[in-house]
Structures are given as structure tokens and as C-alpha cells.
N, C-alpha and C. Protein backbone atom coordinates (compact mmCIF):
# COMPACT_ATOMS: atom_id res chain seq x y z
N MET A 1 93.40 109.42 123.58
CA MET A 1 92.33 109.32 122.62
C MET A 1 91.20 110.28 123.01
N SER A 2 90.57 110.85 121.98
CA SER A 2 89.45 111.74 122.23
C SER A 2 88.19 110.93 122.48
N PRO A 3 87.30 111.48 123.37
CA PRO A 3 86.08 110.74 123.67
C PRO A 3 85.18 110.64 122.46
N ARG A 4 84.55 109.48 122.31
CA ARG A 4 83.69 109.28 121.16
C ARG A 4 82.22 109.54 121.59
N THR A 5 81.42 110.09 120.65
CA THR A 5 80.02 110.36 120.95
C THR A 5 79.29 109.05 121.19
N PRO A 6 78.60 108.92 122.32
CA PRO A 6 77.89 107.63 122.61
C PRO A 6 76.83 107.37 121.52
N THR A 7 76.68 106.11 121.18
CA THR A 7 75.75 105.68 120.17
C THR A 7 74.50 105.10 120.78
N GLY A 8 74.47 104.81 122.07
CA GLY A 8 73.40 104.13 122.70
C GLY A 8 72.07 104.95 122.74
N ALA A 9 72.17 106.24 122.94
CA ALA A 9 71.00 107.09 123.11
C ALA A 9 70.83 107.87 121.82
N ALA A 10 69.77 107.60 121.11
CA ALA A 10 69.51 108.30 119.86
C ALA A 10 69.00 109.69 120.14
N VAL A 11 69.46 110.66 119.30
CA VAL A 11 68.98 112.02 119.41
C VAL A 11 67.74 112.13 118.53
N LEU A 12 66.62 112.65 119.09
CA LEU A 12 65.40 112.76 118.33
C LEU A 12 65.46 113.98 117.47
N GLN A 13 65.42 113.78 116.18
CA GLN A 13 65.48 114.89 115.25
C GLN A 13 64.13 115.52 115.06
N THR A 14 64.13 116.85 115.11
CA THR A 14 62.87 117.60 115.03
C THR A 14 62.10 117.36 113.71
N ALA A 15 62.90 117.36 112.62
CA ALA A 15 62.26 117.18 111.31
C ALA A 15 61.57 115.82 111.24
N VAL A 16 62.14 114.77 111.81
CA VAL A 16 61.54 113.43 111.81
C VAL A 16 60.28 113.43 112.65
N THR A 17 60.33 114.09 113.81
CA THR A 17 59.15 114.14 114.73
C THR A 17 58.06 114.87 114.00
N GLU A 18 58.37 115.97 113.28
CA GLU A 18 57.32 116.71 112.57
C GLU A 18 56.70 115.89 111.43
N ALA A 19 57.56 115.10 110.76
CA ALA A 19 57.05 114.28 109.64
C ALA A 19 56.12 113.20 110.23
N ILE A 20 56.49 112.65 111.39
CA ILE A 20 55.66 111.61 112.02
C ILE A 20 54.32 112.25 112.47
N ALA A 21 54.40 113.41 113.07
CA ALA A 21 53.19 114.07 113.56
C ALA A 21 52.22 114.35 112.40
N GLU A 22 52.74 114.83 111.26
CA GLU A 22 51.91 115.04 110.08
C GLU A 22 51.27 113.75 109.57
N ALA A 23 52.06 112.72 109.66
CA ALA A 23 51.57 111.38 109.19
C ALA A 23 50.45 110.86 110.10
N VAL A 24 50.65 111.06 111.44
CA VAL A 24 49.61 110.62 112.40
C VAL A 24 48.31 111.33 112.15
N LEU A 25 48.37 112.69 111.98
CA LEU A 25 47.18 113.44 111.70
C LEU A 25 46.50 113.01 110.42
N ALA A 26 47.31 112.83 109.39
CA ALA A 26 46.72 112.42 108.10
C ALA A 26 46.07 111.03 108.20
N GLU A 27 46.70 110.09 108.89
CA GLU A 27 46.14 108.76 109.04
C GLU A 27 44.88 108.80 109.87
N LEU A 28 44.84 109.62 110.88
CA LEU A 28 43.64 109.75 111.69
C LEU A 28 42.50 110.32 110.88
N ALA A 29 42.80 111.34 110.07
CA ALA A 29 41.76 111.93 109.30
C ALA A 29 41.22 111.01 108.23
N GLU A 30 42.14 110.21 107.62
CA GLU A 30 41.72 109.32 106.52
C GLU A 30 41.09 108.03 107.01
N HIS A 31 41.63 107.44 108.08
CA HIS A 31 41.27 106.11 108.47
C HIS A 31 40.65 105.97 109.88
N GLY A 32 40.81 106.98 110.71
CA GLY A 32 40.22 106.97 112.05
C GLY A 32 41.16 106.30 113.01
N TYR A 33 40.85 106.46 114.34
CA TYR A 33 41.70 105.99 115.35
C TYR A 33 41.75 104.44 115.41
N ALA A 34 40.66 103.74 115.14
CA ALA A 34 40.63 102.27 115.25
C ALA A 34 41.56 101.68 114.24
N ARG A 35 41.68 102.27 113.07
CA ARG A 35 42.52 101.67 112.00
C ARG A 35 43.90 102.35 111.96
N LEU A 36 44.17 103.24 112.92
CA LEU A 36 45.52 103.81 112.98
C LEU A 36 46.54 102.77 113.38
N SER A 37 47.62 102.69 112.67
CA SER A 37 48.71 101.69 113.08
C SER A 37 50.04 102.37 112.99
N MET A 38 50.94 101.85 113.78
CA MET A 38 52.35 102.31 113.82
C MET A 38 52.94 102.09 112.41
N GLU A 39 52.63 100.98 111.82
CA GLU A 39 53.16 100.65 110.49
C GLU A 39 52.79 101.66 109.43
N ALA A 40 51.45 102.02 109.42
CA ALA A 40 51.05 102.98 108.44
C ALA A 40 51.62 104.35 108.63
N VAL A 41 51.75 104.73 109.90
CA VAL A 41 52.33 106.05 110.20
C VAL A 41 53.76 106.07 109.75
N ALA A 42 54.51 105.03 110.08
CA ALA A 42 55.94 104.98 109.73
C ALA A 42 56.11 105.02 108.22
N LYS A 43 55.31 104.28 107.50
CA LYS A 43 55.37 104.26 106.03
C LYS A 43 55.06 105.66 105.47
N ARG A 44 53.99 106.32 105.95
CA ARG A 44 53.60 107.62 105.44
C ARG A 44 54.69 108.68 105.77
N ALA A 45 55.33 108.53 106.94
CA ALA A 45 56.34 109.48 107.34
C ALA A 45 57.71 109.17 106.71
N GLY A 46 57.82 107.99 106.10
CA GLY A 46 59.14 107.62 105.50
C GLY A 46 60.21 107.29 106.54
N VAL A 47 59.81 106.69 107.62
CA VAL A 47 60.69 106.31 108.71
C VAL A 47 60.45 104.87 109.09
N GLY A 48 61.38 104.30 109.87
CA GLY A 48 61.19 102.99 110.42
C GLY A 48 60.30 103.02 111.66
N LYS A 49 59.67 101.93 111.99
CA LYS A 49 58.82 101.92 113.23
C LYS A 49 59.61 102.26 114.45
N SER A 50 60.89 101.93 114.47
CA SER A 50 61.71 102.24 115.65
C SER A 50 61.71 103.78 115.94
N ALA A 51 61.60 104.57 114.93
CA ALA A 51 61.59 106.04 115.10
C ALA A 51 60.34 106.42 115.90
N LEU A 52 59.25 105.72 115.71
CA LEU A 52 58.00 105.96 116.46
C LEU A 52 58.17 105.53 117.90
N TYR A 53 58.67 104.31 118.04
CA TYR A 53 58.81 103.72 119.40
C TYR A 53 59.81 104.43 120.26
N ARG A 54 60.74 105.14 119.63
CA ARG A 54 61.68 105.93 120.44
C ARG A 54 60.95 107.15 121.08
N ARG A 55 59.85 107.54 120.46
CA ARG A 55 59.14 108.71 120.87
C ARG A 55 57.95 108.34 121.79
N TRP A 56 57.24 107.31 121.40
CA TRP A 56 56.02 106.92 122.10
C TRP A 56 55.94 105.36 122.25
N PRO A 57 55.59 104.89 123.44
CA PRO A 57 55.50 103.41 123.60
C PRO A 57 54.28 102.72 122.98
N SER A 58 53.27 103.50 122.62
CA SER A 58 52.07 102.88 122.12
C SER A 58 51.38 103.80 121.15
N LYS A 59 50.44 103.19 120.41
CA LYS A 59 49.61 103.92 119.46
C LYS A 59 48.82 105.01 120.13
N GLN A 60 48.21 104.70 121.31
CA GLN A 60 47.42 105.66 122.02
C GLN A 60 48.21 106.87 122.45
N GLU A 61 49.44 106.62 122.99
CA GLU A 61 50.24 107.73 123.44
C GLU A 61 50.74 108.55 122.24
N MET A 62 51.01 107.88 121.14
CA MET A 62 51.43 108.62 119.97
C MET A 62 50.31 109.52 119.47
N ALA A 63 49.14 108.96 119.34
CA ALA A 63 48.00 109.74 118.81
C ALA A 63 47.62 110.90 119.72
N THR A 64 47.49 110.62 121.01
CA THR A 64 47.05 111.67 121.90
C THR A 64 48.11 112.78 122.05
N SER A 65 49.42 112.38 122.02
CA SER A 65 50.49 113.37 122.10
C SER A 65 50.46 114.28 120.89
N VAL A 66 50.33 113.69 119.71
CA VAL A 66 50.33 114.50 118.46
C VAL A 66 49.07 115.37 118.46
N ILE A 67 47.95 114.84 118.79
CA ILE A 67 46.71 115.63 118.77
C ILE A 67 46.80 116.78 119.80
N SER A 68 47.33 116.47 120.96
CA SER A 68 47.49 117.49 121.99
C SER A 68 48.38 118.67 121.54
N GLU A 69 49.52 118.34 120.92
CA GLU A 69 50.41 119.34 120.43
C GLU A 69 49.81 120.18 119.26
N ALA A 70 49.10 119.48 118.38
CA ALA A 70 48.49 120.20 117.28
C ALA A 70 47.34 121.07 117.73
N THR A 71 46.62 120.62 118.71
CA THR A 71 45.53 121.37 119.27
C THR A 71 46.07 122.63 120.01
N ALA A 72 47.13 122.43 120.78
CA ALA A 72 47.73 123.54 121.55
C ALA A 72 48.30 124.60 120.56
N ALA A 73 48.83 124.14 119.46
CA ALA A 73 49.38 125.09 118.46
C ALA A 73 48.31 125.93 117.81
N GLN A 74 47.07 125.39 117.77
CA GLN A 74 45.95 126.10 117.18
C GLN A 74 45.14 126.93 118.21
N ALA A 75 45.37 126.63 119.48
CA ALA A 75 44.59 127.33 120.50
C ALA A 75 45.09 128.79 120.62
N PRO A 76 44.27 129.78 120.48
CA PRO A 76 44.69 131.16 120.62
C PRO A 76 44.84 131.50 122.08
N PRO A 77 45.63 132.51 122.37
CA PRO A 77 45.67 132.93 123.80
C PRO A 77 44.28 133.32 124.28
N THR A 78 44.04 133.26 125.55
CA THR A 78 42.73 133.57 126.11
C THR A 78 42.35 135.01 125.73
N ALA A 79 41.16 135.13 125.13
CA ALA A 79 40.73 136.50 124.75
C ALA A 79 40.62 137.34 126.03
N ASP A 80 41.10 138.57 125.99
CA ASP A 80 41.05 139.47 127.11
C ASP A 80 40.81 140.90 126.64
N THR A 81 39.60 141.14 126.15
CA THR A 81 39.29 142.41 125.56
C THR A 81 38.77 143.41 126.56
N GLY A 82 38.49 142.95 127.78
CA GLY A 82 37.89 143.84 128.82
C GLY A 82 36.38 143.71 128.89
N SER A 83 35.82 142.90 127.94
CA SER A 83 34.36 142.77 127.89
C SER A 83 34.07 141.24 127.68
N LEU A 84 33.17 140.68 128.52
CA LEU A 84 32.82 139.31 128.39
C LEU A 84 32.21 139.02 127.02
N ARG A 85 31.34 139.95 126.54
CA ARG A 85 30.72 139.73 125.21
C ARG A 85 31.77 139.56 124.09
N ASP A 86 32.75 140.47 124.12
CA ASP A 86 33.81 140.40 123.08
C ASP A 86 34.74 139.24 123.32
N ASP A 87 35.02 138.91 124.58
CA ASP A 87 35.85 137.71 124.88
C ASP A 87 35.19 136.47 124.40
N LEU A 88 33.90 136.35 124.66
CA LEU A 88 33.10 135.21 124.31
C LEU A 88 33.02 135.06 122.79
N ARG A 89 32.84 136.19 122.10
CA ARG A 89 32.77 136.20 120.66
C ARG A 89 34.08 135.70 120.06
N GLU A 90 35.17 136.16 120.57
CA GLU A 90 36.51 135.74 120.06
C GLU A 90 36.73 134.25 120.31
N THR A 91 36.31 133.81 121.49
CA THR A 91 36.47 132.41 121.90
C THR A 91 35.60 131.49 121.01
N VAL A 92 34.38 131.91 120.78
CA VAL A 92 33.49 131.13 119.87
C VAL A 92 34.06 131.08 118.48
N ASN A 93 34.56 132.18 117.94
CA ASN A 93 35.17 132.14 116.61
C ASN A 93 36.38 131.22 116.55
N ALA A 94 37.19 131.27 117.61
CA ALA A 94 38.39 130.37 117.65
C ALA A 94 37.97 128.93 117.66
N LEU A 95 36.93 128.59 118.45
CA LEU A 95 36.44 127.24 118.53
C LEU A 95 35.88 126.80 117.16
N MET A 96 35.15 127.70 116.50
CA MET A 96 34.64 127.35 115.18
C MET A 96 35.76 127.08 114.13
N ALA A 97 36.82 127.91 114.22
CA ALA A 97 37.92 127.70 113.28
C ALA A 97 38.61 126.38 113.58
N TRP A 98 38.72 125.98 114.85
CA TRP A 98 39.31 124.67 115.18
C TRP A 98 38.48 123.53 114.65
N LEU A 99 37.18 123.61 114.93
CA LEU A 99 36.25 122.56 114.51
C LEU A 99 36.14 122.49 112.98
N ALA A 100 36.36 123.54 112.33
CA ALA A 100 36.28 123.56 110.84
C ALA A 100 37.61 123.26 110.15
N HIS A 101 38.68 123.07 110.93
CA HIS A 101 39.99 122.80 110.38
C HIS A 101 39.88 121.52 109.52
N PRO A 102 40.51 121.49 108.27
CA PRO A 102 40.42 120.36 107.39
C PRO A 102 40.71 119.00 108.02
N LEU A 103 41.68 118.95 108.91
CA LEU A 103 42.00 117.65 109.59
C LEU A 103 41.13 117.43 110.83
N PHE A 104 41.08 118.45 111.70
CA PHE A 104 40.34 118.23 112.94
C PHE A 104 38.85 118.03 112.72
N SER A 105 38.30 118.58 111.67
CA SER A 105 36.86 118.37 111.42
C SER A 105 36.60 116.90 111.13
N ARG A 106 37.64 116.14 110.75
CA ARG A 106 37.44 114.71 110.48
C ARG A 106 37.92 113.84 111.64
N ILE A 107 38.92 114.38 112.34
CA ILE A 107 39.54 113.58 113.47
C ILE A 107 38.66 113.62 114.66
N LEU A 108 38.16 114.78 115.08
CA LEU A 108 37.42 114.89 116.34
C LEU A 108 36.16 114.01 116.42
N PRO A 109 35.31 114.00 115.40
CA PRO A 109 34.11 113.18 115.50
C PRO A 109 34.49 111.67 115.65
N ASP A 110 35.52 111.22 114.94
CA ASP A 110 35.99 109.87 115.06
C ASP A 110 36.51 109.58 116.52
N LEU A 111 37.20 110.53 117.08
CA LEU A 111 37.69 110.30 118.43
C LEU A 111 36.53 110.25 119.44
N VAL A 112 35.52 111.08 119.23
CA VAL A 112 34.38 111.05 120.13
C VAL A 112 33.71 109.69 120.06
N ALA A 113 33.55 109.18 118.88
CA ALA A 113 32.93 107.87 118.68
C ALA A 113 33.83 106.79 119.34
N GLU A 114 35.11 106.89 119.13
CA GLU A 114 36.03 105.89 119.66
C GLU A 114 36.04 105.97 121.20
N MET A 115 35.88 107.10 121.80
CA MET A 115 35.88 107.24 123.25
C MET A 115 34.73 106.40 123.86
N ALA A 116 33.62 106.27 123.15
CA ALA A 116 32.56 105.47 123.63
C ALA A 116 32.89 104.01 123.73
N ARG A 117 33.74 103.57 122.77
CA ARG A 117 34.19 102.17 122.69
C ARG A 117 35.45 101.91 123.56
N THR A 118 36.19 102.90 123.75
CA THR A 118 37.49 102.78 124.50
C THR A 118 37.55 103.79 125.60
N PRO A 119 36.92 103.49 126.79
CA PRO A 119 36.87 104.47 127.85
C PRO A 119 38.16 105.09 128.26
N GLU A 120 39.24 104.31 128.29
CA GLU A 120 40.56 104.87 128.74
C GLU A 120 41.01 106.00 127.75
N LEU A 121 40.62 105.86 126.50
CA LEU A 121 40.98 106.90 125.54
C LEU A 121 40.23 108.22 125.87
N GLY A 122 39.00 108.08 126.33
CA GLY A 122 38.17 109.25 126.70
C GLY A 122 38.89 110.07 127.77
N GLY A 123 39.42 109.46 128.77
CA GLY A 123 40.11 110.19 129.84
C GLY A 123 41.34 110.92 129.34
N VAL A 124 42.08 110.26 128.40
CA VAL A 124 43.27 110.85 127.90
C VAL A 124 42.91 112.09 126.97
N VAL A 125 41.90 111.88 126.13
CA VAL A 125 41.50 112.94 125.21
C VAL A 125 40.97 114.16 126.03
N ASP A 126 40.17 113.82 127.06
CA ASP A 126 39.70 114.92 127.90
C ASP A 126 40.86 115.70 128.58
N ALA A 127 41.89 114.97 128.99
CA ALA A 127 43.00 115.59 129.70
C ALA A 127 43.87 116.42 128.74
N VAL A 128 44.11 115.92 127.55
CA VAL A 128 45.08 116.62 126.67
C VAL A 128 44.47 117.55 125.63
N VAL A 129 43.17 117.32 125.31
CA VAL A 129 42.51 118.12 124.28
C VAL A 129 41.44 119.04 124.87
N CYS A 130 40.44 118.44 125.51
CA CYS A 130 39.30 119.20 125.96
C CYS A 130 39.64 120.00 127.21
N GLY A 131 40.32 119.37 128.15
CA GLY A 131 40.63 120.05 129.43
C GLY A 131 41.33 121.37 129.25
N PRO A 132 42.44 121.44 128.50
CA PRO A 132 43.14 122.71 128.33
C PRO A 132 42.32 123.76 127.69
N ARG A 133 41.46 123.42 126.71
CA ARG A 133 40.63 124.39 126.03
C ARG A 133 39.54 124.91 127.01
N ARG A 134 39.01 123.96 127.80
CA ARG A 134 37.98 124.39 128.82
C ARG A 134 38.62 125.33 129.85
N GLU A 135 39.84 125.06 130.22
CA GLU A 135 40.46 125.91 131.25
C GLU A 135 40.70 127.30 130.68
N LEU A 136 41.05 127.44 129.43
CA LEU A 136 41.16 128.78 128.83
C LEU A 136 39.84 129.52 128.90
N ALA A 137 38.76 128.83 128.53
CA ALA A 137 37.47 129.49 128.56
C ALA A 137 37.04 129.77 130.01
N ALA A 138 37.36 128.94 130.92
CA ALA A 138 37.00 129.15 132.36
C ALA A 138 37.73 130.46 132.85
N THR A 139 38.92 130.65 132.41
CA THR A 139 39.67 131.90 132.82
C THR A 139 38.88 133.11 132.31
N MET A 140 38.36 133.03 131.11
CA MET A 140 37.54 134.17 130.52
C MET A 140 36.35 134.46 131.47
N PHE A 141 35.65 133.40 131.90
CA PHE A 141 34.48 133.60 132.72
C PHE A 141 34.83 134.08 134.11
N ARG A 142 35.97 133.60 134.66
CA ARG A 142 36.41 134.08 135.96
C ARG A 142 36.74 135.54 135.97
N ARG A 143 37.34 136.01 134.84
CA ARG A 143 37.64 137.46 134.72
C ARG A 143 36.35 138.27 134.69
N ALA A 144 35.34 137.73 134.02
CA ALA A 144 34.06 138.43 133.95
C ALA A 144 33.44 138.53 135.30
N VAL A 145 33.62 137.51 136.13
CA VAL A 145 33.09 137.56 137.51
C VAL A 145 33.79 138.66 138.30
N GLU A 146 35.15 138.71 138.13
CA GLU A 146 35.94 139.77 138.80
C GLU A 146 35.52 141.18 138.34
N ARG A 147 35.15 141.31 137.07
CA ARG A 147 34.73 142.62 136.56
C ARG A 147 33.27 142.93 136.89
N GLY A 148 32.55 141.97 137.49
CA GLY A 148 31.10 142.20 137.83
C GLY A 148 30.19 141.98 136.72
N GLU A 149 30.65 141.36 135.62
CA GLU A 149 29.78 141.12 134.48
C GLU A 149 28.95 139.79 134.66
N LEU A 150 29.43 138.94 135.55
CA LEU A 150 28.71 137.71 135.91
C LEU A 150 28.57 137.62 137.41
N ARG A 151 27.52 136.92 137.84
CA ARG A 151 27.36 136.68 139.32
C ARG A 151 28.50 135.84 139.80
N ALA A 152 28.87 135.97 141.07
CA ALA A 152 29.99 135.21 141.64
C ALA A 152 29.59 133.75 141.73
N ASP A 153 28.33 133.43 141.78
CA ASP A 153 27.91 132.01 141.89
C ASP A 153 27.54 131.41 140.52
N VAL A 154 27.99 132.00 139.43
CA VAL A 154 27.64 131.43 138.10
C VAL A 154 28.21 130.05 138.03
N ASP A 155 27.46 129.12 137.46
CA ASP A 155 27.91 127.75 137.32
C ASP A 155 28.80 127.63 136.07
N LEU A 156 30.09 127.54 136.31
CA LEU A 156 31.08 127.58 135.24
C LEU A 156 30.90 126.35 134.34
N GLU A 157 30.54 125.19 134.89
CA GLU A 157 30.40 124.02 134.07
C GLU A 157 29.33 124.22 133.01
N ILE A 158 28.21 124.78 133.49
CA ILE A 158 27.08 125.04 132.54
C ILE A 158 27.54 126.10 131.52
N ALA A 159 28.17 127.22 131.95
CA ALA A 159 28.58 128.25 131.07
C ALA A 159 29.53 127.70 130.01
N LEU A 160 30.48 126.84 130.39
CA LEU A 160 31.43 126.24 129.46
C LEU A 160 30.70 125.34 128.49
N ASP A 161 29.77 124.59 128.95
CA ASP A 161 29.03 123.70 128.03
C ASP A 161 28.18 124.45 127.05
N LEU A 162 27.60 125.56 127.45
CA LEU A 162 26.63 126.29 126.60
C LEU A 162 27.20 126.64 125.22
N PHE A 163 28.38 127.26 125.22
CA PHE A 163 28.87 127.70 123.90
C PHE A 163 29.56 126.52 123.18
N ALA A 164 30.30 125.76 123.87
CA ALA A 164 31.01 124.64 123.22
C ALA A 164 30.06 123.66 122.58
N ALA A 165 29.00 123.28 123.33
CA ALA A 165 28.02 122.32 122.80
C ALA A 165 27.30 122.83 121.59
N ALA A 166 26.90 124.08 121.65
CA ALA A 166 26.17 124.69 120.54
C ALA A 166 27.02 124.71 119.26
N ILE A 167 28.25 125.06 119.37
CA ILE A 167 29.15 125.09 118.19
C ILE A 167 29.42 123.67 117.71
N TYR A 168 29.73 122.77 118.58
CA TYR A 168 30.03 121.36 118.18
C TYR A 168 28.79 120.78 117.49
N TRP A 169 27.66 120.98 118.08
CA TRP A 169 26.41 120.43 117.55
C TRP A 169 26.18 120.97 116.12
N ARG A 170 26.34 122.29 115.93
CA ARG A 170 26.05 122.86 114.67
C ARG A 170 27.02 122.44 113.59
N LEU A 171 28.32 122.57 113.87
CA LEU A 171 29.35 122.33 112.82
C LEU A 171 29.64 120.85 112.62
N THR A 172 29.68 120.11 113.71
CA THR A 172 30.11 118.73 113.56
C THR A 172 29.00 117.75 113.46
N VAL A 173 27.98 117.83 114.28
CA VAL A 173 26.91 116.87 114.26
C VAL A 173 25.97 117.14 113.10
N ARG A 174 25.56 118.44 112.97
CA ARG A 174 24.61 118.80 111.89
C ARG A 174 25.30 119.13 110.59
N ALA A 175 26.61 119.38 110.65
CA ALA A 175 27.37 119.82 109.49
C ALA A 175 26.69 121.01 108.81
N ALA A 176 26.24 121.92 109.63
CA ALA A 176 25.63 123.14 109.17
C ALA A 176 26.58 124.31 109.19
N GLN A 177 26.35 125.30 108.37
CA GLN A 177 27.16 126.49 108.34
C GLN A 177 26.79 127.45 109.46
N ALA A 178 27.65 128.26 109.89
CA ALA A 178 27.33 129.37 110.81
C ALA A 178 27.19 130.59 109.96
N GLU A 179 25.93 130.86 109.61
CA GLU A 179 25.65 132.00 108.71
C GLU A 179 25.95 133.32 109.44
N PRO A 180 26.04 134.42 108.63
CA PRO A 180 26.35 135.72 109.27
C PRO A 180 25.32 136.02 110.36
N GLY A 181 25.82 136.53 111.48
CA GLY A 181 24.98 136.82 112.60
C GLY A 181 24.81 135.72 113.59
N TYR A 182 25.21 134.49 113.23
CA TYR A 182 25.03 133.34 114.13
C TYR A 182 25.83 133.53 115.43
N VAL A 183 27.06 133.85 115.26
CA VAL A 183 27.92 133.99 116.48
C VAL A 183 27.40 135.07 117.40
N ASP A 184 27.03 136.25 116.88
CA ASP A 184 26.48 137.29 117.71
C ASP A 184 25.20 136.83 118.42
N GLU A 185 24.33 136.15 117.70
CA GLU A 185 23.05 135.69 118.35
C GLU A 185 23.33 134.66 119.37
N LEU A 186 24.29 133.72 119.12
CA LEU A 186 24.68 132.75 120.12
C LEU A 186 25.24 133.37 121.40
N VAL A 187 26.16 134.32 121.19
CA VAL A 187 26.76 135.02 122.33
C VAL A 187 25.67 135.76 123.12
N ASP A 188 24.81 136.48 122.49
CA ASP A 188 23.71 137.18 123.18
C ASP A 188 22.81 136.24 123.95
N THR A 189 22.54 135.08 123.36
CA THR A 189 21.70 134.10 124.03
C THR A 189 22.35 133.54 125.29
N ILE A 190 23.63 133.25 125.16
CA ILE A 190 24.39 132.73 126.31
C ILE A 190 24.41 133.75 127.42
N LEU A 191 24.69 135.01 127.04
CA LEU A 191 24.79 136.06 128.05
C LEU A 191 23.44 136.32 128.74
N ARG A 192 22.33 136.16 127.99
CA ARG A 192 21.05 136.31 128.65
C ARG A 192 20.82 135.16 129.65
N GLY A 193 21.37 134.01 129.36
CA GLY A 193 21.22 132.82 130.26
C GLY A 193 22.05 132.91 131.53
N ILE A 194 23.28 133.41 131.38
CA ILE A 194 24.16 133.37 132.57
C ILE A 194 24.49 134.72 133.13
N GLY A 195 24.03 135.74 132.52
CA GLY A 195 24.33 137.11 132.93
C GLY A 195 23.67 137.44 134.29
N PRO A 196 24.04 138.56 134.85
CA PRO A 196 23.40 138.95 136.13
C PRO A 196 21.95 139.27 136.03
């Protein structure tokens, strides 16, 4: 007799995983993290709940995994133009595009609010969303130190906060537009603050 394909271990189908991921993002954007449920995601994706549980053991792991992958897919490679000013400008523009994304512009503020209510979520979001983006920007600043554009003792934490906080505050908190010239003025202001 020829061996039969085992039925115990299900093969995760890419198309199903993609449909689930799209459903998770849509549910987060429409209803927020607190009201996100495995049932609603399964219904929107057109799958049974078991398809979700084969991939993630909990709502939190499902949400953070999907957000992490979607964020990574949108993250551009670290800008390396040979100039800190140009690298910073490209990085700021990429951050603005991410924060203005039709889904993430609605998901991120909700996650920030939920992190205050659910501290363990904060650690996960920082590890899978914020941390990787901060590390990309830190690489940009370290290269600038190596090129002599920044002091060796520059405070990376403050440098990273300066541009990210300004963009988040303007686009997300104030819901204001970044008019022409805003990015250049922001970059010049940051460089005056942290430059040699």
C-alpha cells in the first residue's frame, strides 16, 4: 500500500492567512482593539474560527502578528543617501506615509489608547511595531555619527523621539496636514538641535 498523506497536521494556506490578515486590519480600523473578536474576524474572512486558532492562540497574538507583518511590509529600507539631512527627510516622509495610511491612521491611535488600559499589549506593540522602526532610524543616526555629521555622544533616544513625536503629534493627534515645506523645516530644526 502507498503511504497516505497524514490528516492530523493541517497545512496553512497562504490565501486563507492573507484573507484573515485583511479581516483583522479591517476590524481593527472599524471597531478598535477592544471590540476585536475572533468571531468577527472569521466571519469577515469567510473562514471558521478554527482557521484562526491554528495560526494564533489568542486575539492579542493574532492582532499583533498581523499588525507587525503589515507594518514591516510598509517599512522602507533604511535610507542611505550619504547625507543625514537627506536620510532624515526620506525617513520622515516614510513615517508620514505610514501614519496617513487609510487603515493605520485609524488603527494606531486606538492601539495607543488601548495600551494605556492593557499594559501587556503595550510591551508587545513596542516590540513588534515601534521597536523595529526605531531601530531602522537608529541605524541612520549611527551612520551619521560614523560620517562625522553628528557628535559621537549624541543622545539617540532624544534624536529618535524628536522626529517621530513631531510627525505623530501633527498627523494623528492634531489631524493637521503637513503643508509644503513642513518636512524640510522639521528636518532643519532637528539637525540644529542634534547637530555638531
